[in-house]
PDB file of N, CA and C in Angstrom:
ATOM      1  N   MET A   1     191.471 101.758  17.512  1.00  0.00           N
ATOM      2  CA  MET A   1     192.335 100.983  18.467  1.00  0.00           C
ATOM      3  C   MET A   1     192.031  99.504  18.135  1.00  0.00           C
ATOM      4  N   THR A   2     193.074  98.794  18.207  1.00  0.00           N
ATOM      5  CA  THR A   2     192.967  97.263  17.828  1.00  0.00           C
ATOM      6  C   THR A   2     192.379  96.581  19.126  1.00  0.00           C
ATOM      7  N   ASP A   3     191.768  95.344  18.833  1.00  0.00           N
ATOM      8  CA  ASP A   3     191.424  94.544  19.926  1.00  0.00           C
ATOM      9  C   ASP A   3     192.466  94.189  20.897  1.00  0.00           C
ATOM     10  N   SER A   4     193.668  93.906  20.337  1.00  0.00           N
ATOM     11  CA  SER A   4     194.796  93.654  21.267  1.00  0.00           C
ATOM     12  C   SER A   4     195.197  94.763  22.162  1.00  0.00           C
ATOM     13  N   THR A   5     195.113  95.949  21.642  1.00  0.00           N
ATOM     14  CA  THR A   5     195.469  97.256  22.389  1.00  0.00           C
ATOM     15  C   THR A   5     194.394  97.462  23.519  1.00  0.00           C
ATOM     16  N   ALA A   6     193.172  97.247  23.180  1.00  0.00           N
ATOM     17  CA  ALA A   6     192.064  97.306  24.066  1.00  0.00           C
ATOM     18  C   ALA A   6     192.151  96.287  25.208  1.00  0.00           C
ATOM     19  N   ARG A   7     192.527  95.068  24.972  1.00  0.00           N
ATOM     20  CA  ARG A   7     192.741  94.073  26.007  1.00  0.00           C
ATOM     21  C   ARG A   7     193.996  94.389  27.007  1.00  0.00           C
ATOM     22  N   ILE A   8     194.929  95.019  26.382  1.00  0.00           N
ATOM     23  CA  ILE A   8     196.171  95.399  27.116  1.00  0.00           C
ATOM     24  C   ILE A   8     195.634  96.661  28.153  1.00  0.00           C
ATOM     25  N   ILE A   9     194.932  97.536  27.569  1.00  0.00           N
ATOM     26  CA  ILE A   9     194.501  98.660  28.420  1.00  0.00           C
ATOM     27  C   ILE A   9     193.600  98.199  29.419  1.00  0.00           C
ATOM     28  N   GLU A  10     192.607  97.161  29.216  1.00  0.00           N
ATOM     29  CA  GLU A  10     191.769  96.635  30.310  1.00  0.00           C
ATOM     30  C   GLU A  10     192.658  95.973  31.366  1.00  0.00           C
ATOM     31  N   ALA A  11     193.589  95.182  30.898  1.00  0.00           N
ATOM     32  CA  ALA A  11     194.540  94.614  31.940  1.00  0.00           C
ATOM     33  C   ALA A  11     195.221  95.701  32.780  1.00  0.00           C
ATOM     34  N   LEU A  12     195.725  96.639  32.116  1.00  0.00           N
ATOM     35  CA  LEU A  12     196.487  97.769  32.843  1.00  0.00           C
ATOM     36  C   LEU A  12     195.625  98.331  33.890  1.00  0.00           C
ATOM     37  N   ARG A  13     194.331  98.694  33.492  1.00  0.00           N
ATOM     38  CA  ARG A  13     193.313  99.281  34.326  1.00  0.00           C
ATOM     39  C   ARG A  13     193.046  98.550  35.572  1.00  0.00           C
ATOM     40  N   ALA A  14     193.081  97.188  35.389  1.00  0.00           N
ATOM     41  CA  ALA A  14     192.755  96.277  36.447  1.00  0.00           C
ATOM     42  C   ALA A  14     193.650  96.266  37.677  1.00  0.00           C
ATOM     43  N   VAL A  15     194.894  96.745  37.468  1.00  0.00           N
ATOM     44  CA  VAL A  15     195.905  96.776  38.604  1.00  0.00           C
ATOM     45  C   VAL A  15     195.462  97.898  39.639  1.00  0.00           C
ATOM     46  N   PRO A  16     195.169  97.334  40.830  1.00  0.00           N
ATOM     47  CA  PRO A  16     194.630  98.284  41.960  1.00  0.00           C
ATOM     48  C   PRO A  16     195.748  99.154  42.530  1.00  0.00           C
ATOM     49  N   LYS A  17     195.323 100.270  43.004  1.00  0.00           N
ATOM     50  CA  LYS A  17     196.143 101.206  43.853  1.00  0.00           C
ATOM     51  C   LYS A  17     196.837 100.235  44.868  1.00  0.00           C
ATOM     52  N   GLY A  18     198.095 100.718  45.185  1.00  0.00           N
ATOM     53  CA  GLY A  18     198.832 100.063  46.162  1.00  0.00           C
ATOM     54  C   GLY A  18     199.358  98.723  45.787  1.00  0.00           C
ATOM     55  N   ASN A  19     199.360  98.469  44.494  1.00  0.00           N
ATOM     56  CA  ASN A  19     199.845  97.222  43.941  1.00  0.00           C
ATOM     57  C   ASN A  19     200.643  97.571  42.657  1.00  0.00           C
ATOM     58  N   VAL A  20     201.484  96.561  42.322  1.00  0.00           N
ATOM     59  CA  VAL A  20     202.201  96.627  40.926  1.00  0.00           C
ATOM     60  C   VAL A  20     202.072  95.227  40.166  1.00  0.00           C
ATOM     61  N   SER A  21     202.319  95.402  38.824  1.00  0.00           N
ATOM     62  CA  SER A  21     202.393  94.254  38.080  1.00  0.00           C
ATOM     63  C   SER A  21     203.637  94.458  37.098  1.00  0.00           C
ATOM     64  N   CYS A  22     203.758  93.450  36.340  1.00  0.00           N
ATOM     65  CA  CYS A  22     204.991  93.610  35.502  1.00  0.00           C
ATOM     66  C   CYS A  22     204.535  93.541  33.971  1.00  0.00           C
ATOM     67  N   TYR A  23     205.278  93.916  33.132  1.00  0.00           N
ATOM     68  CA  TYR A  23     204.914  93.990  31.656  1.00  0.00           C
ATOM     69  C   TYR A  23     204.483  92.593  31.179  1.00  0.00           C
ATOM     70  N   ARG A  24     205.231  91.567  31.579  1.00  0.00           N
ATOM     71  CA  ARG A  24     205.003  90.222  31.172  1.00  0.00           C
ATOM     72  C   ARG A  24     203.640  89.773  31.746  1.00  0.00           C
ATOM     73  N   ASP A  25     203.334  90.013  33.017  1.00  0.00           N
ATOM     74  CA  ASP A  25     202.025  89.525  33.655  1.00  0.00           C
ATOM     75  C   ASP A  25     200.800  90.265  32.985  1.00  0.00           C
ATOM     76  N   ILE A  26     200.979  91.469  32.640  1.00  0.00           N
ATOM     77  CA  ILE A  26     199.920  92.342  31.963  1.00  0.00           C
ATOM     78  C   ILE A  26     199.784  91.638  30.663  1.00  0.00           C
ATOM     79  N   ALA A  27     200.720  91.426  29.863  1.00  0.00           N
ATOM     80  CA  ALA A  27     200.620  90.765  28.577  1.00  0.00           C
ATOM     81  C   ALA A  27     199.936  89.475  28.569  1.00  0.00           C
ATOM     82  N   ARG A  28     200.243  88.599  29.572  1.00  0.00           N
ATOM     83  CA  ARG A  28     199.698  87.350  29.787  1.00  0.00           C
ATOM     84  C   ARG A  28     198.104  87.450  30.030  1.00  0.00           C
ATOM     85  N   ALA A  29     197.797  88.510  30.981  1.00  0.00           N
ATOM     86  CA  ALA A  29     196.497  88.745  31.403  1.00  0.00           C
ATOM     87  C   ALA A  29     195.548  89.115  30.224  1.00  0.00           C
ATOM     88  N   ALA A  30     196.226  89.740  29.208  1.00  0.00           N
ATOM     89  CA  ALA A  30     195.728  90.217  27.955  1.00  0.00           C
ATOM     90  C   ALA A  30     195.620  89.170  26.885  1.00  0.00           C
ATOM     91  N   GLY A  31     196.097  87.966  27.109  1.00  0.00           N
ATOM     92  CA  GLY A  31     196.078  86.976  26.138  1.00  0.00           C
ATOM     93  C   GLY A  31     197.337  86.922  25.173  1.00  0.00           C
ATOM     94  N   PHE A  32     198.394  87.559  25.559  1.00  0.00           N
ATOM     95  CA  PHE A  32     199.592  87.704  24.791  1.00  0.00           C
ATOM     96  C   PHE A  32     200.806  87.140  25.712  1.00  0.00           C
ATOM     97  N   PRO A  33     201.079  85.906  25.712  1.00  0.00           N
ATOM     98  CA  PRO A  33     202.170  85.427  26.460  1.00  0.00           C
ATOM     99  C   PRO A  33     203.409  85.940  26.227  1.00  0.00           C
ATOM    100  N   ASN A  34     203.727  86.366  25.103  1.00  0.00           N
ATOM    101  CA  ASN A  34     205.076  86.939  24.844  1.00  0.00           C
ATOM    102  C   ASN A  34     204.912  88.423  24.342  1.00  0.00           C
ATOM    103  N   GLY A  35     203.995  89.152  24.903  1.00  0.00           N
ATOM    104  CA  GLY A  35     203.834  90.479  24.597  1.00  0.00           C
ATOM    105  C   GLY A  35     204.188  91.586  25.429  1.00  0.00           C
ATOM    106  N   ALA A  36     205.254  91.295  26.301  1.00  0.00           N
ATOM    107  CA  ALA A  36     205.687  92.426  27.160  1.00  0.00           C
ATOM    108  C   ALA A  36     206.084  93.616  26.571  1.00  0.00           C
ATOM    109  N   ARG A  37     206.740  93.496  25.378  1.00  0.00           N
ATOM    110  CA  ARG A  37     207.175  94.714  24.588  1.00  0.00           C
ATOM    111  C   ARG A  37     205.855  95.453  24.168  1.00  0.00           C
ATOM    112  N   GLN A  38     204.838  94.773  23.633  1.00  0.00           N
ATOM    113  CA  GLN A  38     203.691  95.370  23.298  1.00  0.00           C
ATOM    114  C   GLN A  38     203.010  96.126  24.430  1.00  0.00           C
ATOM    115  N   VAL A  39     203.041  95.584  25.604  1.00  0.00           N
ATOM    116  CA  VAL A  39     202.527  96.383  26.746  1.00  0.00           C
ATOM    117  C   VAL A  39     203.358  97.588  26.854  1.00  0.00           C
ATOM    118  N   ALA A  40     204.705  97.627  26.759  1.00  0.00           N
ATOM    119  CA  ALA A  40     205.596  98.817  26.990  1.00  0.00           C
ATOM    120  C   ALA A  40     205.166  99.856  25.860  1.00  0.00           C
ATOM    121  N   ARG A  41     204.933  99.333  24.715  1.00  0.00           N
ATOM    122  CA  ARG A  41     204.485 100.352  23.604  1.00  0.00           C
ATOM    123  C   ARG A  41     203.095 101.091  23.964  1.00  0.00           C
ATOM    124  N   VAL A  42     202.193 100.226  24.430  1.00  0.00           N
ATOM    125  CA  VAL A  42     200.867 100.865  24.736  1.00  0.00           C
ATOM    126  C   VAL A  42     201.044 101.817  25.853  1.00  0.00           C
ATOM    127  N   LEU A  43     201.764 101.480  26.870  1.00  0.00           N
ATOM    128  CA  LEU A  43     202.137 102.441  27.961  1.00  0.00           C
ATOM    129  C   LEU A  43     202.767 103.717  27.429  1.00  0.00           C
ATOM    130  N   HIS A  44     203.745 103.530  26.576  1.00  0.00           N
ATOM    131  CA  HIS A  44     204.490 104.729  26.209  1.00  0.00           C
ATOM    132  C   HIS A  44     203.653 105.694  25.349  1.00  0.00           C
ATOM    133  N   SER A  45     202.795 104.956  24.458  1.00  0.00           N
ATOM    134  CA  SER A  45     201.961 105.846  23.479  1.00  0.00           C
ATOM    135  C   SER A  45     200.675 106.255  23.943  1.00  0.00           C
ATOM    136  N   MET A  46     200.165 105.555  25.099  1.00  0.00           N
ATOM    137  CA  MET A  46     198.746 105.856  25.319  1.00  0.00           C
ATOM    138  C   MET A  46     198.420 106.067  26.803  1.00  0.00           C
ATOM    139  N   SER A  47     199.461 106.177  27.635  1.00  0.00           N
ATOM    140  CA  SER A  47     199.110 106.384  29.093  1.00  0.00           C
ATOM    141  C   SER A  47     198.401 107.617  29.326  1.00  0.00           C
ATOM    142  N   GLU A  48     198.973 108.734  28.816  1.00  0.00           N
ATOM    143  CA  GLU A  48     198.354 110.016  29.053  1.00  0.00           C
ATOM    144  C   GLU A  48     197.024 110.206  28.405  1.00  0.00           C
ATOM    145  N   LYS A  49     196.787 109.587  27.121  1.00  0.00           N
ATOM    146  CA  LYS A  49     195.570 109.779  26.520  1.00  0.00           C
ATOM    147  C   LYS A  49     194.545 109.054  27.276  1.00  0.00           C
ATOM    148  N   HIS A  50     194.795 107.892  27.751  1.00  0.00           N
ATOM    149  CA  HIS A  50     193.818 107.031  28.322  1.00  0.00           C
ATOM    150  C   HIS A  50     193.844 107.045  29.853  1.00  0.00           C
ATOM    151  N   GLY A  51     194.638 107.837  30.347  1.00  0.00           N
ATOM    152  CA  GLY A  51     194.817 107.901  31.889  1.00  0.00           C
ATOM    153  C   GLY A  51     195.139 106.427  32.476  1.00  0.00           C
ATOM    154  N   LEU A  52     196.161 105.835  31.878  1.00  0.00           N
ATOM    155  CA  LEU A  52     196.498 104.477  32.297  1.00  0.00           C
ATOM    156  C   LEU A  52     197.509 104.609  33.594  1.00  0.00           C
ATOM    157  N   PRO A  53     197.475 103.625  34.462  1.00  0.00           N
ATOM    158  CA  PRO A  53     198.388 103.636  35.634  1.00  0.00           C
ATOM    159  C   PRO A  53     199.633 103.198  35.321  1.00  0.00           C
ATOM    160  N   TRP A  54     200.343 103.822  34.455  1.00  0.00           N
ATOM    161  CA  TRP A  54     201.644 103.394  33.996  1.00  0.00           C
ATOM    162  C   TRP A  54     202.668 103.202  35.182  1.00  0.00           C
ATOM    163  N   HIS A  55     202.531 103.982  36.296  1.00  0.00           N
ATOM    164  CA  HIS A  55     203.455 103.871  37.365  1.00  0.00           C
ATOM    165  C   HIS A  55     203.442 102.555  38.039  1.00  0.00           C
ATOM    166  N   ARG A  56     202.335 101.779  37.872  1.00  0.00           N
ATOM    167  CA  ARG A  56     202.110 100.407  38.599  1.00  0.00           C
ATOM    168  C   ARG A  56     202.682  99.382  37.925  1.00  0.00           C
ATOM    169  N   ILE A  57     203.483  99.740  36.622  1.00  0.00           N
ATOM    170  CA  ILE A  57     204.022  98.490  36.010  1.00  0.00           C
ATOM    171  C   ILE A  57     205.485  98.613  36.065  1.00  0.00           C
ATOM    172  N   VAL A  58     206.156  97.610  36.482  1.00  0.00           N
ATOM    173  CA  VAL A  58     207.664  97.334  36.633  1.00  0.00           C
ATOM    174  C   VAL A  58     208.182  96.196  35.950  1.00  0.00           C
ATOM    175  N   ARG A  59     209.444  95.988  35.926  1.00  0.00           N
ATOM    176  CA  ARG A  59     209.986  94.898  35.222  1.00  0.00           C
ATOM    177  C   ARG A  59     209.626  93.580  36.018  1.00  0.00           C
ATOM    178  N   ALA A  60     209.930  92.422  35.518  1.00  0.00           N
ATOM    179  CA  ALA A  60     209.643  91.171  36.120  1.00  0.00           C
ATOM    180  C   ALA A  60     210.441  90.850  37.254  1.00  0.00           C
ATOM    181  N   ASP A  61     211.538  91.579  37.460  1.00  0.00           N
ATOM    182  CA  ASP A  61     212.546  91.431  38.462  1.00  0.00           C
ATOM    183  C   ASP A  61     212.199  92.447  39.628  1.00  0.00           C
ATOM    184  N   GLY A  62     211.171  93.250  39.390  1.00  0.00           N
ATOM    185  CA  GLY A  62     210.732  94.131  40.509  1.00  0.00           C
ATOM    186  C   GLY A  62     211.346  95.623  40.454  1.00  0.00           C
ATOM    187  N   PHE A  63     212.114  95.815  39.346  1.00  0.00           N
ATOM    188  CA  PHE A  63     212.753  97.015  39.229  1.00  0.00           C
ATOM    189  C   PHE A  63     211.948  97.940  38.315  1.00  0.00           C
ATOM    190  N   ILE A  64     212.046  99.172  38.508  1.00  0.00           N
ATOM    191  CA  ILE A  64     211.408 100.328  37.574  1.00  0.00           C
ATOM    192  C   ILE A  64     212.324 100.201  36.284  1.00  0.00           C
ATOM    193  N   ALA A  65     211.590 100.306  35.230  1.00  0.00           N
ATOM    194  CA  ALA A  65     212.278 100.173  33.954  1.00  0.00           C
ATOM    195  C   ALA A  65     212.965 101.391  33.493  1.00  0.00           C
ATOM    196  N   LEU A  66     212.380 102.599  34.029  1.00  0.00           N
ATOM    197  CA  LEU A  66     212.746 103.833  33.565  1.00  0.00           C
ATOM    198  C   LEU A  66     214.157 104.128  34.176  1.00  0.00           C
ATOM    199  N   GLU A  67     214.954 104.935  33.455  1.00  0.00           N
ATOM    200  CA  GLU A  67     216.228 105.347  33.881  1.00  0.00           C
ATOM    201  C   GLU A  67     216.199 106.501  34.992  1.00  0.00           C
ATOM    202  N   SER A  68     217.111 106.693  35.732  1.00  0.00           N
ATOM    203  CA  SER A  68     217.227 107.812  36.618  1.00  0.00           C
ATOM    204  C   SER A  68     217.250 109.080  35.796  1.00  0.00           C
ATOM    205  N   GLY A  69     216.521 110.110  36.081  1.00  0.00           N
ATOM    206  CA  GLY A  69     216.377 111.420  35.373  1.00  0.00           C
ATOM    207  C   GLY A  69     215.478 111.296  34.149  1.00  0.00           C
ATOM    208  N   ARG A  70     214.932 110.114  33.926  1.00  0.00           N
ATOM    209  CA  ARG A  70     214.014 109.907  32.744  1.00  0.00           C
ATOM    210  C   ARG A  70     212.797 109.327  33.180  1.00  0.00           C
ATOM    211  N   GLY A  71     212.371 109.512  34.434  1.00  0.00           N
ATOM    212  CA  GLY A  71     210.855 109.142  34.856  1.00  0.00           C
ATOM    213  C   GLY A  71     211.037 108.193  36.169  1.00  0.00           C
ATOM    214  N   LYS A  72     212.137 107.557  36.371  1.00  0.00           N
ATOM    215  CA  LYS A  72     212.366 106.511  37.381  1.00  0.00           C
ATOM    216  C   LYS A  72     211.963 107.194  38.828  1.00  0.00           C
ATOM    217  N   GLU A  73     212.425 108.333  39.093  1.00  0.00           N
ATOM    218  CA  GLU A  73     212.103 109.063  40.362  1.00  0.00           C
ATOM    219  C   GLU A  73     210.588 109.293  40.504  1.00  0.00           C
ATOM    220  N   ALA A  74     210.052 109.896  39.336  1.00  0.00           N
ATOM    221  CA  ALA A  74     208.477 110.222  39.360  1.00  0.00           C
ATOM    222  C   ALA A  74     207.712 108.950  39.574  1.00  0.00           C
ATOM    223  N   GLN A  75     208.138 107.859  38.892  1.00  0.00           N
ATOM    224  CA  GLN A  75     207.406 106.535  39.079  1.00  0.00           C
ATOM    225  C   GLN A  75     207.537 106.110  40.543  1.00  0.00           C
ATOM    226  N   ALA A  76     208.699 106.190  41.194  1.00  0.00           N
ATOM    227  CA  ALA A  76     208.879 105.756  42.446  1.00  0.00           C
ATOM    228  C   ALA A  76     207.940 106.644  43.537  1.00  0.00           C
ATOM    229  N   GLU A  77     207.994 107.945  43.205  1.00  0.00           N
ATOM    230  CA  GLU A  77     207.196 108.872  44.059  1.00  0.00           C
ATOM    231  C   GLU A  77     205.659 108.505  43.925  1.00  0.00           C
ATOM    232  N   LEU A  78     205.225 108.278  42.759  1.00  0.00           N
ATOM    233  CA  LEU A  78     203.838 107.949  42.639  1.00  0.00           C
ATOM    234  C   LEU A  78     203.467 106.550  43.286  1.00  0.00           C
ATOM    235  N   LEU A  79     204.360 105.679  43.224  1.00  0.00           N
ATOM    236  CA  LEU A  79     204.199 104.353  43.890  1.00  0.00           C
ATOM    237  C   LEU A  79     204.113 104.540  45.374  1.00  0.00           C
ATOM    238  N   ARG A  80     205.074 105.364  45.925  1.00  0.00           N
ATOM    239  CA  ARG A  80     205.074 105.624  47.366  1.00  0.00           C
ATOM    240  C   ARG A  80     203.829 106.268  47.843  1.00  0.00           C
ATOM    241  N   ALA A  81     203.282 107.179  46.989  1.00  0.00           N
ATOM    242  CA  ALA A  81     202.095 107.986  47.381  1.00  0.00           C
ATOM    243  C   ALA A  81     200.756 106.960  47.525  1.00  0.00           C
ATOM    244  N   GLU A  82     201.087 105.807  46.963  1.00  0.00           N
ATOM    245  CA  GLU A  82     199.948 104.772  46.924  1.00  0.00           C
ATOM    246  C   GLU A  82     200.325 103.765  47.998  1.00  0.00           C
ATOM    247  N   GLY A  83     201.340 103.854  48.916  1.00  0.00           N
ATOM    248  CA  GLY A  83     201.605 102.998  49.882  1.00  0.00           C
ATOM    249  C   GLY A  83     202.673 101.919  49.436  1.00  0.00           C
ATOM    250  N   VAL A  84     203.172 102.041  48.302  1.00  0.00           N
ATOM    251  CA  VAL A  84     204.179 100.896  47.761  1.00  0.00           C
ATOM    252  C   VAL A  84     205.523 101.315  48.113  1.00  0.00           C
ATOM    253  N   GLU A  85     206.107 100.495  49.040  1.00  0.00           N
ATOM    254  CA  GLU A  85     207.587 100.866  49.307  1.00  0.00           C
ATOM    255  C   GLU A  85     208.521 100.583  48.152  1.00  0.00           C
ATOM    256  N   THR A  86     209.280 101.729  47.775  1.00  0.00           N
ATOM    257  CA  THR A  86     210.239 101.571  46.673  1.00  0.00           C
ATOM    258  C   THR A  86     211.608 101.812  47.141  1.00  0.00           C
ATOM    259  N   LEU A  87     212.643 101.071  46.967  1.00  0.00           N
ATOM    260  CA  LEU A  87     213.936 101.376  47.287  1.00  0.00           C
ATOM    261  C   LEU A  87     214.551 102.336  46.514  1.00  0.00           C
ATOM    262  N   GLU A  88     215.693 102.914  46.888  1.00  0.00           N
ATOM    263  CA  GLU A  88     216.311 104.026  46.217  1.00  0.00           C
ATOM    264  C   GLU A  88     216.863 103.446  44.774  1.00  0.00           C
ATOM    265  N   THR A  89     216.929 102.130  44.733  1.00  0.00           N
ATOM    266  CA  THR A  89     217.553 101.509  43.564  1.00  0.00           C
ATOM    267  C   THR A  89     216.386 101.360  42.481  1.00  0.00           C
ATOM    268  N   GLY A  90     215.001 101.708  42.958  1.00  0.00           N
ATOM    269  CA  GLY A  90     213.893 101.550  42.150  1.00  0.00           C
ATOM    270  C   GLY A  90     213.291 100.135  42.126  1.00  0.00           C
ATOM    271  N   TRP A  91     213.770  99.316  43.230  1.00  0.00           N
ATOM    272  CA  TRP A  91     213.128  98.055  43.383  1.00  0.00           C
ATOM    273  C   TRP A  91     211.882  97.999  44.200  1.00  0.00           C
ATOM    274  N   VAL A  92     210.957  97.131  43.836  1.00  0.00           N
ATOM    275  CA  VAL A  92     209.687  96.957  44.518  1.00  0.00           C
ATOM    276  C   VAL A  92     209.560  95.522  44.810  1.00  0.00           C
ATOM    277  N   ASP A  93     209.167  95.059  45.903  1.00  0.00           N
ATOM    278  CA  ASP A  93     209.008  93.798  46.468  1.00  0.00           C
ATOM    279  C   ASP A  93     207.587  93.158  45.801  1.00  0.00           C
ATOM    280  N   LEU A  94     207.928  92.320  44.691  1.00  0.00           N
ATOM    281  CA  LEU A  94     206.665  91.894  44.013  1.00  0.00           C
ATOM    282  C   LEU A  94     206.059  90.841  44.988  1.00  0.00           C
ATOM    283  N   GLY A  95     206.630  90.148  45.941  1.00  0.00           N
ATOM    284  CA  GLY A  95     206.071  89.246  46.685  1.00  0.00           C
ATOM    285  C   GLY A  95     205.050  89.971  47.677  1.00  0.00           C
ATOM    286  N   ARG A  96     205.259  91.212  47.897  1.00  0.00           N
ATOM    287  CA  ARG A  96     204.345  91.940  48.830  1.00  0.00           C
ATOM    288  C   ARG A  96     203.528  92.786  48.067  1.00  0.00           C
ATOM    289  N   TYR A  97     203.930  93.446  47.066  1.00  0.00           N
ATOM    290  CA  TYR A  97     203.005  94.470  46.336  1.00  0.00           C
ATOM    291  C   TYR A  97     202.604  93.874  44.909  1.00  0.00           C
ATOM    292  N   GLY A  98     203.057  92.755  44.445  1.00  0.00           N
ATOM    293  CA  GLY A  98     202.684  92.343  43.198  1.00  0.00           C
ATOM    294  C   GLY A  98     201.290  91.954  43.203  1.00  0.00           C
ATOM    295  N   TRP A  99     200.602  92.187  42.018  1.00  0.00           N
ATOM    296  CA  TRP A  99     199.260  91.885  41.718  1.00  0.00           C
ATOM    297  C   TRP A  99     199.027  90.914  40.534  1.00  0.00           C
ATOM    298  N   LYS A 100     198.223  89.898  40.769  1.00  0.00           N
ATOM    299  CA  LYS A 100     197.960  88.988  39.508  1.00  0.00           C
ATOM    300  C   LYS A 100     196.511  88.917  39.552  1.00  0.00           C
ATOM    301  N   ARG A 101     195.953  89.173  38.353  1.00  0.00           N
ATOM    302  CA  ARG A 101     194.444  88.884  38.083  1.00  0.00           C
ATOM    303  C   ARG A 101     193.980  87.651  38.729  1.00  0.00           C
ATOM    304  N   GLY A 102     192.900  87.813  39.423  1.00  0.00           N
ATOM    305  CA  GLY A 102     192.162  86.529  39.930  1.00  0.00           C
ATOM    306  C   GLY A 102     192.663  86.365  41.480  1.00  0.00           C
ATOM    307  N   ARG A 103     193.432  87.278  41.932  1.00  0.00           N
ATOM    308  CA  ARG A 103     193.768  87.047  43.328  1.00  0.00           C
ATOM    309  C   ARG A 103     192.881  87.845  44.235  1.00  0.00           C
TER     310      ARG A 103
END
């Protein structure tokens, strides 16, 4: 595992239950200000193996990135189980549930 991957995994694991973060903010927390796609790749390839809280990561506009029928519903259900309100559209209020390191 590369150092950059390890830093992304650490930032992902820091997002507490009942909160969400976005790909961009995880990348910034890991030291990669333009690394949102790298975060997505780590989540896609390593979530299961490393037990990452993939469901707590949404787009910067608050929407779940996954498509309907391809994980969107599962992610929304996992978020709701943690107390995060998720609209049927897949939107999460980042003002209410968004987490940033250091808060």
